[in-house]
PDB file of N, CA and C in Angstrom:
ATOM      1  N   MET A   1     -14.361   1.073 -19.192  1.00  0.00           N
ATOM      2  CA  MET A   1     -13.312  -0.055 -19.698  1.00  0.00           C
ATOM      3  C   MET A   1     -12.384   1.111 -18.537  1.00  0.00           C
ATOM      4  N   ALA A   2     -11.796   0.035 -18.233  1.00  0.00           N
ATOM      5  CA  ALA A   2     -10.728   0.797 -16.894  1.00  0.00           C
ATOM      6  C   ALA A   2      -9.527   0.799 -17.703  1.00  0.00           C
ATOM      7  N   GLU A   3      -8.655   2.084 -17.144  1.00  0.00           N
ATOM      8  CA  GLU A   3      -7.548   2.601 -17.419  1.00  0.00           C
ATOM      9  C   GLU A   3      -6.666   2.871 -16.888  1.00  0.00           C
ATOM     10  N   TRP A   4      -5.092   2.625 -16.819  1.00  0.00           N
ATOM     11  CA  TRP A   4      -4.268   3.517 -16.099  1.00  0.00           C
ATOM     12  C   TRP A   4      -4.095   5.082 -16.191  1.00  0.00           C
ATOM     13  N   MET A   5      -3.794   5.556 -14.648  1.00  0.00           N
ATOM     14  CA  MET A   5      -3.869   7.424 -14.902  1.00  0.00           C
ATOM     15  C   MET A   5      -2.452   7.158 -14.200  1.00  0.00           C
ATOM     16  N   PHE A   6      -1.577   8.476 -14.443  1.00  0.00           N
ATOM     17  CA  PHE A   6      -0.313   8.885 -14.286  1.00  0.00           C
ATOM     18  C   PHE A   6      -0.031   9.761 -13.414  1.00  0.00           C
ATOM     19  N   ASP A   7       1.090   9.704 -12.662  1.00  0.00           N
ATOM     20  CA  ASP A   7       1.676  10.621 -12.159  1.00  0.00           C
ATOM     21  C   ASP A   7       2.195  11.873 -12.443  1.00  0.00           C
ATOM     22  N   ARG A   8       2.799  12.707 -11.617  1.00  0.00           N
ATOM     23  CA  ARG A   8       3.490  13.800 -12.528  1.00  0.00           C
ATOM     24  C   ARG A   8       4.880  13.404 -13.109  1.00  0.00           C
ATOM     25  N   TYR A   9       5.315  12.206 -12.773  1.00  0.00           N
ATOM     26  CA  TYR A   9       6.669  11.792 -13.541  1.00  0.00           C
ATOM     27  C   TYR A   9       6.277  10.812 -14.644  1.00  0.00           C
ATOM     28  N   GLY A  10       4.773  10.811 -14.960  1.00  0.00           N
ATOM     29  CA  GLY A  10       4.308   9.925 -15.941  1.00  0.00           C
ATOM     30  C   GLY A  10       4.311   8.328 -15.323  1.00  0.00           C
ATOM     31  N   LYS A  11       4.417   8.322 -14.406  1.00  0.00           N
ATOM     32  CA  LYS A  11       4.357   6.624 -13.784  1.00  0.00           C
ATOM     33  C   LYS A  11       3.147   6.488 -13.496  1.00  0.00           C
ATOM     34  N   PRO A  12       2.734   5.021 -13.732  1.00  0.00           N
ATOM     35  CA  PRO A  12       1.313   4.604 -13.896  1.00  0.00           C
ATOM     36  C   PRO A  12       0.858   4.672 -12.048  1.00  0.00           C
ATOM     37  N   CYS A  13       0.152   5.213 -11.596  1.00  0.00           N
ATOM     38  CA  CYS A  13      -0.297   4.827 -10.244  1.00  0.00           C
ATOM     39  C   CYS A  13      -1.746   4.523  -9.936  1.00  0.00           C
ATOM     40  N   VAL A  14      -2.546   4.768 -10.381  1.00  0.00           N
ATOM     41  CA  VAL A  14      -3.833   4.298  -9.989  1.00  0.00           C
ATOM     42  C   VAL A  14      -4.869   4.121 -11.701  1.00  0.00           C
ATOM     43  N   ILE A  15      -6.006   3.503 -11.120  1.00  0.00           N
ATOM     44  CA  ILE A  15      -6.775   3.115 -12.563  1.00  0.00           C
ATOM     45  C   ILE A  15      -8.106   3.864 -12.411  1.00  0.00           C
ATOM     46  N   TRP A  16      -8.448   4.591 -13.380  1.00  0.00           N
ATOM     47  CA  TRP A  16      -9.450   5.094 -12.958  1.00  0.00           C
ATOM     48  C   TRP A  16     -10.910   4.029 -14.001  1.00  0.00           C
ATOM     49  N   ASP A  17     -11.850   3.267 -13.459  1.00  0.00           N
ATOM     50  CA  ASP A  17     -12.996   2.433 -13.427  1.00  0.00           C
ATOM     51  C   ASP A  17     -14.051   3.069 -13.590  1.00  0.00           C
ATOM     52  N   ASP A  18     -14.607   3.312 -14.435  1.00  0.00           N
ATOM     53  CA  ASP A  18     -15.789   4.110 -14.549  1.00  0.00           C
ATOM     54  C   ASP A  18     -16.080   5.172 -13.427  1.00  0.00           C
ATOM     55  N   THR A  19     -16.612   5.151 -11.971  1.00  0.00           N
ATOM     56  CA  THR A  19     -17.079   5.857 -11.287  1.00  0.00           C
ATOM     57  C   THR A  19     -16.169   5.302  -9.949  1.00  0.00           C
ATOM     58  N   LYS A  20     -14.891   4.687 -10.196  1.00  0.00           N
ATOM     59  CA  LYS A  20     -14.092   4.392  -9.336  1.00  0.00           C
ATOM     60  C   LYS A  20     -12.783   4.406  -9.446  1.00  0.00           C
ATOM     61  N   ILE A  21     -11.983   4.966  -8.325  1.00  0.00           N
ATOM     62  CA  ILE A  21     -10.301   4.776  -8.577  1.00  0.00           C
ATOM     63  C   ILE A  21     -10.017   3.837  -7.809  1.00  0.00           C
ATOM     64  N   ARG A  22      -9.298   2.730  -8.391  1.00  0.00           N
ATOM     65  CA  ARG A  22      -8.485   1.603  -8.128  1.00  0.00           C
ATOM     66  C   ARG A  22      -6.646   1.966  -7.825  1.00  0.00           C
ATOM     67  N   ASP A  23      -6.473   1.134  -6.781  1.00  0.00           N
ATOM     68  CA  ASP A  23      -4.991   1.345  -6.707  1.00  0.00           C
ATOM     69  C   ASP A  23      -4.310   0.091  -7.811  1.00  0.00           C
ATOM     70  N   ARG A  24      -3.169   0.002  -7.659  1.00  0.00           N
ATOM     71  CA  ARG A  24      -2.340  -0.824  -8.684  1.00  0.00           C
ATOM     72  C   ARG A  24      -2.991  -1.940  -8.237  1.00  0.00           C
ATOM     73  N   HIS A  25      -3.220  -2.509  -7.080  1.00  0.00           N
ATOM     74  CA  HIS A  25      -3.745  -4.379  -7.101  1.00  0.00           C
ATOM     75  C   HIS A  25      -4.860  -4.313  -7.326  1.00  0.00           C
ATOM     76  N   GLY A  26      -5.935  -3.444  -7.641  1.00  0.00           N
ATOM     77  CA  GLY A  26      -7.406  -3.686  -8.203  1.00  0.00           C
ATOM     78  C   GLY A  26      -8.451  -3.293  -6.719  1.00  0.00           C
ATOM     79  N   LYS A  27      -8.025  -2.458  -5.867  1.00  0.00           N
ATOM     80  CA  LYS A  27      -8.638  -2.445  -5.034  1.00  0.00           C
ATOM     81  C   LYS A  27      -9.529  -0.887  -4.714  1.00  0.00           C
ATOM     82  N   VAL A  28     -10.436  -0.653  -4.292  1.00  0.00           N
ATOM     83  CA  VAL A  28     -11.141   0.622  -4.849  1.00  0.00           C
ATOM     84  C   VAL A  28     -10.700   1.663  -3.583  1.00  0.00           C
ATOM     85  N   ILE A  29     -10.034   2.692  -4.039  1.00  0.00           N
ATOM     86  CA  ILE A  29      -9.486   3.716  -2.947  1.00  0.00           C
ATOM     87  C   ILE A  29     -10.536   5.191  -2.832  1.00  0.00           C
ATOM     88  N   ALA A  30     -11.280   5.303  -4.037  1.00  0.00           N
ATOM     89  CA  ALA A  30     -12.254   6.427  -4.014  1.00  0.00           C
ATOM     90  C   ALA A  30     -13.271   6.548  -4.975  1.00  0.00           C
ATOM     91  N   TRP A  31     -14.154   7.321  -5.308  1.00  0.00           N
ATOM     92  CA  TRP A  31     -15.542   7.336  -5.769  1.00  0.00           C
ATOM     93  C   TRP A  31     -15.322   8.747  -6.654  1.00  0.00           C
ATOM     94  N   LEU A  32     -15.676   8.554  -7.966  1.00  0.00           N
ATOM     95  CA  LEU A  32     -16.331   9.492  -8.763  1.00  0.00           C
ATOM     96  C   LEU A  32     -17.637   9.677  -8.838  1.00  0.00           C
ATOM     97  N   SER A  33     -17.785  11.018  -8.403  1.00  0.00           N
ATOM     98  CA  SER A  33     -19.570  11.493  -9.027  1.00  0.00           C
ATOM     99  C   SER A  33     -19.346  12.679  -9.738  1.00  0.00           C
ATOM    100  N   GLY A  34     -20.100  12.579 -11.033  1.00  0.00           N
ATOM    101  CA  GLY A  34     -20.120  14.074 -11.806  1.00  0.00           C
ATOM    102  C   GLY A  34     -18.596  14.269 -11.773  1.00  0.00           C
ATOM    103  N   ASP A  35     -18.245  15.634 -11.549  1.00  0.00           N
ATOM    104  CA  ASP A  35     -16.913  15.824 -11.680  1.00  0.00           C
ATOM    105  C   ASP A  35     -15.817  16.198 -10.323  1.00  0.00           C
ATOM    106  N   ASN A  36     -16.878  15.159  -9.401  1.00  0.00           N
ATOM    107  CA  ASN A  36     -16.104  15.195  -8.155  1.00  0.00           C
ATOM    108  C   ASN A  36     -15.193  13.834  -7.733  1.00  0.00           C
ATOM    109  N   VAL A  37     -14.415  14.043  -6.624  1.00  0.00           N
ATOM    110  CA  VAL A  37     -13.908  12.958  -5.963  1.00  0.00           C
ATOM    111  C   VAL A  37     -14.210  12.700  -4.525  1.00  0.00           C
ATOM    112  N   TYR A  38     -14.566  11.740  -4.458  1.00  0.00           N
ATOM    113  CA  TYR A  38     -14.883  11.402  -2.850  1.00  0.00           C
ATOM    114  C   TYR A  38     -13.980  10.279  -2.192  1.00  0.00           C
ATOM    115  N   SER A  39     -13.654  10.201  -0.779  1.00  0.00           N
ATOM    116  CA  SER A  39     -12.725   9.149  -0.160  1.00  0.00           C
ATOM    117  C   SER A  39     -14.080   7.904  -0.036  1.00  0.00           C
ATOM    118  N   LEU A  40     -13.049   6.918   0.433  1.00  0.00           N
ATOM    119  CA  LEU A  40     -14.457   5.800   0.740  1.00  0.00           C
ATOM    120  C   LEU A  40     -15.574   6.395   1.596  1.00  0.00           C
ATOM    121  N   LYS A  41     -15.065   7.207   2.536  1.00  0.00           N
ATOM    122  CA  LYS A  41     -15.974   7.591   3.604  1.00  0.00           C
ATOM    123  C   LYS A  41     -17.002   8.671   3.058  1.00  0.00           C
ATOM    124  N   GLY A  42     -16.866   8.916   1.885  1.00  0.00           N
ATOM    125  CA  GLY A  42     -17.873   9.859   1.300  1.00  0.00           C
ATOM    126  C   GLY A  42     -17.629  11.398   1.526  1.00  0.00           C
ATOM    127  N   ASP A  43     -16.139  11.846   1.750  1.00  0.00           N
ATOM    128  CA  ASP A  43     -15.502  13.234   2.156  1.00  0.00           C
ATOM    129  C   ASP A  43     -15.001  13.743   0.762  1.00  0.00           C
ATOM    130  N   HIS A  44     -15.547  14.906   0.338  1.00  0.00           N
ATOM    131  CA  HIS A  44     -15.020  15.416  -1.082  1.00  0.00           C
ATOM    132  C   HIS A  44     -13.283  15.564  -0.706  1.00  0.00           C
ATOM    133  N   ILE A  45     -12.705  15.156  -1.547  1.00  0.00           N
ATOM    134  CA  ILE A  45     -11.417  15.085  -1.807  1.00  0.00           C
ATOM    135  C   ILE A  45     -10.456  15.902  -3.205  1.00  0.00           C
ATOM    136  N   GLY A  46     -11.183  15.988  -4.139  1.00  0.00           N
ATOM    137  CA  GLY A  46     -10.857  16.624  -5.206  1.00  0.00           C
ATOM    138  C   GLY A  46     -11.990  16.609  -6.169  1.00  0.00           C
ATOM    139  N   TRP A  47     -11.299  17.041  -7.662  1.00  0.00           N
ATOM    140  CA  TRP A  47     -12.421  16.840  -8.815  1.00  0.00           C
ATOM    141  C   TRP A  47     -11.673  16.106  -9.831  1.00  0.00           C
ATOM    142  N   PHE A  48     -12.542  15.657 -10.504  1.00  0.00           N
ATOM    143  CA  PHE A  48     -12.456  14.723 -11.872  1.00  0.00           C
ATOM    144  C   PHE A  48     -12.707  15.312 -12.864  1.00  0.00           C
ATOM    145  N   ASP A  49     -11.836  16.114 -13.961  1.00  0.00           N
ATOM    146  CA  ASP A  49     -11.978  17.039 -14.884  1.00  0.00           C
ATOM    147  C   ASP A  49     -11.498  16.460 -16.309  1.00  0.00           C
ATOM    148  N   HIS A  50     -12.342  15.808 -17.175  1.00  0.00           N
ATOM    149  CA  HIS A  50     -12.014  15.111 -18.582  1.00  0.00           C
ATOM    150  C   HIS A  50     -10.795  14.482 -18.395  1.00  0.00           C
ATOM    151  N   GLY A  51     -10.641  13.405 -17.540  1.00  0.00           N
ATOM    152  CA  GLY A  51      -9.437  12.777 -17.387  1.00  0.00           C
ATOM    153  C   GLY A  51      -8.469  12.829 -16.601  1.00  0.00           C
ATOM    154  N   VAL A  52      -8.417  14.020 -15.782  1.00  0.00           N
ATOM    155  CA  VAL A  52      -7.471  14.573 -14.693  1.00  0.00           C
ATOM    156  C   VAL A  52      -8.145  14.655 -13.381  1.00  0.00           C
ATOM    157  N   ILE A  53      -7.722  14.287 -12.228  1.00  0.00           N
ATOM    158  CA  ILE A  53      -7.774  14.407 -11.137  1.00  0.00           C
ATOM    159  C   ILE A  53      -7.058  15.455 -10.311  1.00  0.00           C
ATOM    160  N   PHE A  54      -7.759  16.364 -10.109  1.00  0.00           N
ATOM    161  CA  PHE A  54      -7.094  17.237  -9.104  1.00  0.00           C
ATOM    162  C   PHE A  54      -7.382  16.943  -7.209  1.00  0.00           C
ATOM    163  N   ASP A  55      -6.567  17.657  -6.974  1.00  0.00           N
ATOM    164  CA  ASP A  55      -6.726  17.054  -5.046  1.00  0.00           C
ATOM    165  C   ASP A  55      -7.605  18.498  -4.582  1.00  0.00           C
ATOM    166  N   SER A  56      -7.479  18.763  -3.424  1.00  0.00           N
ATOM    167  CA  SER A  56      -8.283  19.549  -2.884  1.00  0.00           C
ATOM    168  C   SER A  56      -7.995  20.809  -3.146  1.00  0.00           C
ATOM    169  N   THR A  57      -6.836  21.432  -3.416  1.00  0.00           N
ATOM    170  CA  THR A  57      -6.371  22.382  -3.913  1.00  0.00           C
ATOM    171  C   THR A  57      -5.977  22.921  -5.411  1.00  0.00           C
ATOM    172  N   ASN A  58      -6.827  21.661  -5.847  1.00  0.00           N
ATOM    173  CA  ASN A  58      -6.832  22.110  -7.535  1.00  0.00           C
ATOM    174  C   ASN A  58      -5.765  21.772  -8.118  1.00  0.00           C
ATOM    175  N   SER A  59      -4.711  21.319  -7.292  1.00  0.00           N
ATOM    176  CA  SER A  59      -3.405  20.898  -8.063  1.00  0.00           C
ATOM    177  C   SER A  59      -3.704  19.530  -8.836  1.00  0.00           C
ATOM    178  N   ALA A  60      -2.846  19.418 -10.093  1.00  0.00           N
ATOM    179  CA  ALA A  60      -2.948  18.033 -10.609  1.00  0.00           C
ATOM    180  C   ALA A  60      -2.713  17.100  -9.805  1.00  0.00           C
ATOM    181  N   LEU A  61      -3.234  15.874  -9.786  1.00  0.00           N
ATOM    182  CA  LEU A  61      -3.098  14.670  -9.341  1.00  0.00           C
ATOM    183  C   LEU A  61      -2.419  13.693 -10.139  1.00  0.00           C
ATOM    184  N   ALA A  62      -3.384  13.034 -10.783  1.00  0.00           N
ATOM    185  CA  ALA A  62      -2.885  11.924 -11.950  1.00  0.00           C
ATOM    186  C   ALA A  62      -3.852  12.318 -13.161  1.00  0.00           C
ATOM    187  N   PHE A  63      -3.188  11.909 -13.997  1.00  0.00           N
ATOM    188  CA  PHE A  63      -4.477  11.791 -15.406  1.00  0.00           C
ATOM    189  C   PHE A  63      -4.244  11.069 -16.367  1.00  0.00           C
ATOM    190  N   SER A  64      -5.035  10.704 -17.436  1.00  0.00           N
ATOM    191  CA  SER A  64      -5.279   9.444 -18.169  1.00  0.00           C
ATOM    192  C   SER A  64      -4.511   9.996 -19.205  1.00  0.00           C
ATOM    193  N   ARG A  65      -4.101   8.903 -20.206  1.00  0.00           N
ATOM    194  CA  ARG A  65      -3.505   8.966 -21.763  1.00  0.00           C
ATOM    195  C   ARG A  65      -4.614   9.925 -22.406  1.00  0.00           C
ATOM    196  N   ASN A  66      -5.598   9.460 -22.214  1.00  0.00           N
ATOM    197  CA  ASN A  66      -6.814  10.411 -23.180  1.00  0.00           C
ATOM    198  C   ASN A  66      -7.114  11.170 -22.405  1.00  0.00           C
ATOM    199  N   ARG A  67      -6.399  12.345 -21.754  1.00  0.00           N
ATOM    200  CA  ARG A  67      -7.335  13.505 -20.969  1.00  0.00           C
ATOM    201  C   ARG A  67      -7.531  14.308 -22.234  1.00  0.00           C
ATOM    202  N   THR A  68      -8.745  15.412 -21.925  1.00  0.00           N
ATOM    203  CA  THR A  68      -8.802  16.636 -22.990  1.00  0.00           C
ATOM    204  C   THR A  68      -8.770  17.591 -22.016  1.00  0.00           C
ATOM    205  N   THR A  69      -7.980  17.715 -20.736  1.00  0.00           N
ATOM    206  CA  THR A  69      -8.119  18.751 -19.956  1.00  0.00           C
ATOM    207  C   THR A  69      -6.484  19.045 -19.856  1.00  0.00           C
ATOM    208  N   GLY A  70      -6.377  20.580 -19.760  1.00  0.00           N
ATOM    209  CA  GLY A  70      -5.053  20.654 -19.921  1.00  0.00           C
ATOM    210  C   GLY A  70      -4.259  20.325 -18.500  1.00  0.00           C
ATOM    211  N   LEU A  71      -2.654  20.396 -18.619  1.00  0.00           N
ATOM    212  CA  LEU A  71      -1.831  19.892 -17.459  1.00  0.00           C
ATOM    213  C   LEU A  71      -0.612  21.111 -16.955  1.00  0.00           C
ATOM    214  N   PRO A  72      -0.282  21.290 -15.842  1.00  0.00           N
ATOM    215  CA  PRO A  72       0.627  22.256 -16.262  1.00  0.00           C
ATOM    216  C   PRO A  72       2.111  21.806 -16.633  1.00  0.00           C
ATOM    217  N   SER A  73       2.377  20.474 -17.099  1.00  0.00           N
ATOM    218  CA  SER A  73       3.397  20.173 -17.765  1.00  0.00           C
ATOM    219  C   SER A  73       2.906  18.918 -18.037  1.00  0.00           C
ATOM    220  N   VAL A  74       3.529  18.150 -19.119  1.00  0.00           N
ATOM    221  CA  VAL A  74       3.075  16.901 -19.476  1.00  0.00           C
ATOM    222  C   VAL A  74       4.626  16.054 -19.704  1.00  0.00           C
ATOM    223  N   PRO A  75       4.566  14.863 -18.866  1.00  0.00           N
ATOM    224  CA  PRO A  75       5.802  14.115 -18.606  1.00  0.00           C
ATOM    225  C   PRO A  75       5.671  13.084 -19.883  1.00  0.00           C
ATOM    226  N   GLY A  76       6.745  12.674 -20.109  1.00  0.00           N
ATOM    227  CA  GLY A  76       6.758  11.550 -20.471  1.00  0.00           C
ATOM    228  C   GLY A  76       6.148  10.250 -19.952  1.00  0.00           C
ATOM    229  N   LEU A  77       5.753   9.197 -20.663  1.00  0.00           N
ATOM    230  CA  LEU A  77       5.034   8.340 -20.166  1.00  0.00           C
ATOM    231  C   LEU A  77       5.768   6.874 -19.901  1.00  0.00           C
ATOM    232  N   SER A  78       5.758   6.200 -19.005  1.00  0.00           N
ATOM    233  CA  SER A  78       6.169   5.097 -18.719  1.00  0.00           C
ATOM    234  C   SER A  78       5.391   3.967 -19.335  1.00  0.00           C
ATOM    235  N   GLY A  79       5.929   2.338 -19.824  1.00  0.00           N
ATOM    236  CA  GLY A  79       4.839   1.679 -20.174  1.00  0.00           C
ATOM    237  C   GLY A  79       3.754   1.258 -18.761  1.00  0.00           C
ATOM    238  N   THR A  80       2.737   0.548 -19.061  1.00  0.00           N
ATOM    239  CA  THR A  80       1.509   0.247 -18.335  1.00  0.00           C
ATOM    240  C   THR A  80       1.701  -1.053 -18.024  1.00  0.00           C
ATOM    241  N   PRO A  81       1.459  -1.719 -16.813  1.00  0.00           N
ATOM    242  CA  PRO A  81       1.519  -3.027 -16.142  1.00  0.00           C
ATOM    243  C   PRO A  81       0.155  -3.127 -16.767  1.00  0.00           C
ATOM    244  N   GLY A  82       0.001  -4.770 -16.926  1.00  0.00           N
ATOM    245  CA  GLY A  82      -1.165  -5.196 -17.010  1.00  0.00           C
ATOM    246  C   GLY A  82      -2.375  -4.875 -15.962  1.00  0.00           C
ATOM    247  N   MET A  83      -3.194  -5.238 -16.382  1.00  0.00           N
ATOM    248  CA  MET A  83      -4.409  -4.628 -15.536  1.00  0.00           C
ATOM    249  C   MET A  83      -4.531  -5.918 -14.111  1.00  0.00           C
ATOM    250  N   PRO A  84      -4.504  -5.466 -13.116  1.00  0.00           N
ATOM    251  CA  PRO A  84      -4.651  -6.504 -11.839  1.00  0.00           C
ATOM    252  C   PRO A  84      -6.209  -7.220 -12.148  1.00  0.00           C
ATOM    253  N   GLY A  85      -6.576  -8.170 -11.163  1.00  0.00           N
ATOM    254  CA  GLY A  85      -7.690  -8.587 -11.060  1.00  0.00           C
ATOM    255  C   GLY A  85      -8.355  -7.339  -9.876  1.00  0.00           C
ATOM    256  N   PHE A  86     -10.034  -7.031 -10.167  1.00  0.00           N
ATOM    257  CA  PHE A  86     -10.216  -6.382  -9.397  1.00  0.00           C
ATOM    258  C   PHE A  86     -11.297  -6.967  -8.304  1.00  0.00           C
ATOM    259  N   ALA A  87     -10.745  -6.310  -7.045  1.00  0.00           N
ATOM    260  CA  ALA A  87     -11.348  -6.754  -5.784  1.00  0.00           C
ATOM    261  C   ALA A  87     -12.976  -6.365  -5.931  1.00  0.00           C
ATOM    262  N   GLY A  88     -13.744  -6.908  -5.137  1.00  0.00           N
ATOM    263  CA  GLY A  88     -15.035  -6.485  -4.875  1.00  0.00           C
ATOM    264  C   GLY A  88     -15.573  -4.588  -4.459  1.00  0.00           C
ATOM    265  N   THR A  89     -16.262  -4.497  -5.139  1.00  0.00           N
ATOM    266  CA  THR A  89     -16.651  -2.788  -5.055  1.00  0.00           C
ATOM    267  C   THR A  89     -17.570  -2.924  -3.310  1.00  0.00           C
ATOM    268  N   PRO A  90     -17.172  -1.820  -2.762  1.00  0.00           N
ATOM    269  CA  PRO A  90     -17.445  -1.713  -1.270  1.00  0.00           C
ATOM    270  C   PRO A  90     -18.692  -0.744  -1.716  1.00  0.00           C
ATOM    271  N   GLY A  91     -19.446  -0.809  -0.586  1.00  0.00           N
ATOM    272  CA  GLY A  91     -21.163  -0.117  -0.570  1.00  0.00           C
ATOM    273  C   GLY A  91     -20.722   1.513  -0.995  1.00  0.00           C
ATOM    274  N   ARG A  92     -21.739   2.420  -1.462  1.00  0.00           N
ATOM    275  CA  ARG A  92     -21.283   3.820  -2.136  1.00  0.00           C
ATOM    276  C   ARG A  92     -21.748   4.198  -0.665  1.00  0.00           C
ATOM    277  N   PRO A  93     -20.758   5.136   0.038  1.00  0.00           N
ATOM    278  CA  PRO A  93     -21.538   6.171   1.271  1.00  0.00           C
ATOM    279  C   PRO A  93     -22.016   7.233   0.761  1.00  0.00           C
ATOM    280  N   GLY A  94     -23.167   7.865   1.554  1.00  0.00           N
ATOM    281  CA  GLY A  94     -23.306   9.152   1.273  1.00  0.00           C
ATOM    282  C   GLY A  94     -22.096  10.365   0.935  1.00  0.00           C
ATOM    283  N   TYR A  95     -22.585  11.303   0.198  1.00  0.00           N
ATOM    284  CA  TYR A  95     -21.369  12.087   0.093  1.00  0.00           C
ATOM    285  C   TYR A  95     -21.844  13.356   0.676  1.00  0.00           C
ATOM    286  N   SER A  96     -20.540  14.005   0.918  1.00  0.00           N
ATOM    287  CA  SER A  96     -20.526  15.316   2.029  1.00  0.00           C
ATOM    288  C   SER A  96     -20.560  16.413   0.430  1.00  0.00           C
ATOM    289  N   GLY A  97     -20.867  17.611   1.264  1.00  0.00           N
ATOM    290  CA  GLY A  97     -20.936  18.689   0.457  1.00  0.00           C
ATOM    291  C   GLY A  97     -19.612  19.052  -0.231  1.00  0.00           C
ATOM    292  N   THR A  98     -19.864  19.632  -1.604  1.00  0.00           N
ATOM    293  CA  THR A  98     -18.823  20.051  -2.676  1.00  0.00           C
ATOM    294  C   THR A  98     -18.533  21.234  -2.203  1.00  0.00           C
ATOM    295  N   PRO A  99     -17.330  21.848  -1.887  1.00  0.00           N
ATOM    296  CA  PRO A  99     -16.600  23.344  -1.622  1.00  0.00           C
ATOM    297  C   PRO A  99     -16.680  23.962  -3.048  1.00  0.00           C
ATOM    298  N   GLY A 100     -16.385  25.169  -2.754  1.00  0.00           N
ATOM    299  CA  GLY A 100     -16.196  25.850  -4.311  1.00  0.00           C
ATOM    300  C   GLY A 100     -14.675  25.181  -4.811  1.00  0.00           C
ATOM    301  N   ARG A 101     -14.402  25.375  -6.081  1.00  0.00           N
ATOM    302  CA  ARG A 101     -13.108  25.051  -6.575  1.00  0.00           C
ATOM    303  C   ARG A 101     -12.398  26.225  -6.690  1.00  0.00           C
ATOM    304  N   PRO A 102     -10.898  26.257  -6.077  1.00  0.00           N
ATOM    305  CA  PRO A 102     -10.553  27.236  -6.301  1.00  0.00           C
ATOM    306  C   PRO A 102      -9.377  27.650  -7.699  1.00  0.00           C
ATOM    307  N   GLY A 103      -8.763  28.255  -7.774  1.00  0.00           N
ATOM    308  CA  GLY A 103      -7.699  28.335  -9.147  1.00  0.00           C
ATOM    309  C   GLY A 103      -6.975  27.259  -9.404  1.00  0.00           C
ATOM    310  N   SER A 104      -6.560  27.031 -10.421  1.00  0.00           N
ATOM    311  CA  SER A 104      -5.531  25.807 -10.858  1.00  0.00           C
ATOM    312  C   SER A 104      -4.164  26.300  -9.752  1.00  0.00           C
ATOM    313  N   ARG A 105      -3.311  25.279  -9.402  1.00  0.00           N
ATOM    314  CA  ARG A 105      -2.372  25.481  -8.840  1.00  0.00           C
ATOM    315  C   ARG A 105      -1.169  24.495  -9.409  1.00  0.00           C
ATOM    316  N   GLY A 106      -0.889  24.153 -10.700  1.00  0.00           N
ATOM    317  CA  GLY A 106      -0.180  23.251 -10.852  1.00  0.00           C
ATOM    318  C   GLY A 106      -0.194  21.783 -10.448  1.00  0.00           C
ATOM    319  N   TRP A 107       1.205  21.298 -10.408  1.00  0.00           N
ATOM    320  CA  TRP A 107       1.144  19.868 -10.184  1.00  0.00           C
ATOM    321  C   TRP A 107       0.939  19.626  -8.433  1.00  0.00           C
ATOM    322  N   SER A 108       0.282  18.574  -8.250  1.00  0.00           N
ATOM    323  CA  SER A 108       0.167  18.574  -6.424  1.00  0.00           C
ATOM    324  C   SER A 108       1.557  17.778  -6.210  1.00  0.00           C
ATOM    325  N   ASN A 109       2.458  18.285  -5.259  1.00  0.00           N
ATOM    326  CA  ASN A 109       3.373  17.481  -4.260  1.00  0.00           C
ATOM    327  C   ASN A 109       2.730  16.047  -3.380  1.00  0.00           C
ATOM    328  N   GLN A 110       1.353  15.782  -3.540  1.00  0.00           N
ATOM    329  CA  GLN A 110       0.990  14.393  -2.759  1.00  0.00           C
ATOM    330  C   GLN A 110       0.970  13.174  -3.783  1.00  0.00           C
ATOM    331  N   ASN A 111       1.588  12.134  -3.103  1.00  0.00           N
ATOM    332  CA  ASN A 111       1.330  11.027  -3.664  1.00  0.00           C
ATOM    333  C   ASN A 111       0.036  10.242  -4.299  1.00  0.00           C
ATOM    334  N   PRO A 112      -0.191  10.281  -5.221  1.00  0.00           N
ATOM    335  CA  PRO A 112      -1.870  10.068  -5.731  1.00  0.00           C
ATOM    336  C   PRO A 112      -2.432   8.779  -5.107  1.00  0.00           C
ATOM    337  N   THR A 113      -1.736   7.658  -5.148  1.00  0.00           N
ATOM    338  CA  THR A 113      -2.006   6.296  -4.014  1.00  0.00           C
ATOM    339  C   THR A 113      -2.683   6.941  -2.611  1.00  0.00           C
ATOM    340  N   ALA A 114      -1.621   7.444  -2.243  1.00  0.00           N
ATOM    341  CA  ALA A 114      -1.835   7.833  -0.780  1.00  0.00           C
ATOM    342  C   ALA A 114      -2.745   9.136  -0.289  1.00  0.00           C
ATOM    343  N   TYR A 115      -2.986   9.747  -1.546  1.00  0.00           N
ATOM    344  CA  TYR A 115      -4.155  11.048  -0.945  1.00  0.00           C
ATOM    345  C   TYR A 115      -5.404  10.613  -1.444  1.00  0.00           C
ATOM    346  N   LEU A 116      -5.580   9.662  -2.377  1.00  0.00           N
ATOM    347  CA  LEU A 116      -6.663   9.313  -2.671  1.00  0.00           C
ATOM    348  C   LEU A 116      -7.164   8.106  -1.629  1.00  0.00           C
ATOM    349  N   SER A 117      -6.476   7.233  -1.198  1.00  0.00           N
ATOM    350  CA  SER A 117      -6.636   6.365  -0.152  1.00  0.00           C
ATOM    351  C   SER A 117      -6.844   6.421   1.185  1.00  0.00           C
ATOM    352  N   ALA A 118      -6.474   8.019   1.676  1.00  0.00           N
ATOM    353  CA  ALA A 118      -6.305   8.561   2.853  1.00  0.00           C
ATOM    354  C   ALA A 118      -8.090   8.741   3.202  1.00  0.00           C
TER     355      ALA A 118
END
């Protein structure tokens, strides 16, 4: 079941849909494989840890309402919009290697949608 994820300000920004991350319009923008996040091209761009997406520096990027991983700070949450219709799913690429994960770094300064779409 798909659910909204929130940015560091508590605003809904992306949708977690099983092994996919979608933008607010329902388009797939990133892949999840185990605890790794990959771009549409298959490049490793971060980690997914029990409902929290971390960028390549291991800074928190987005989180689900029901996460079980801690956050640097927890913002109040905005209301969530309705779920959009989902666009078709693109072909899954081959994935690049997985780098070692650095220590936790707080909140990312990246915009989650822009970062995951790059």
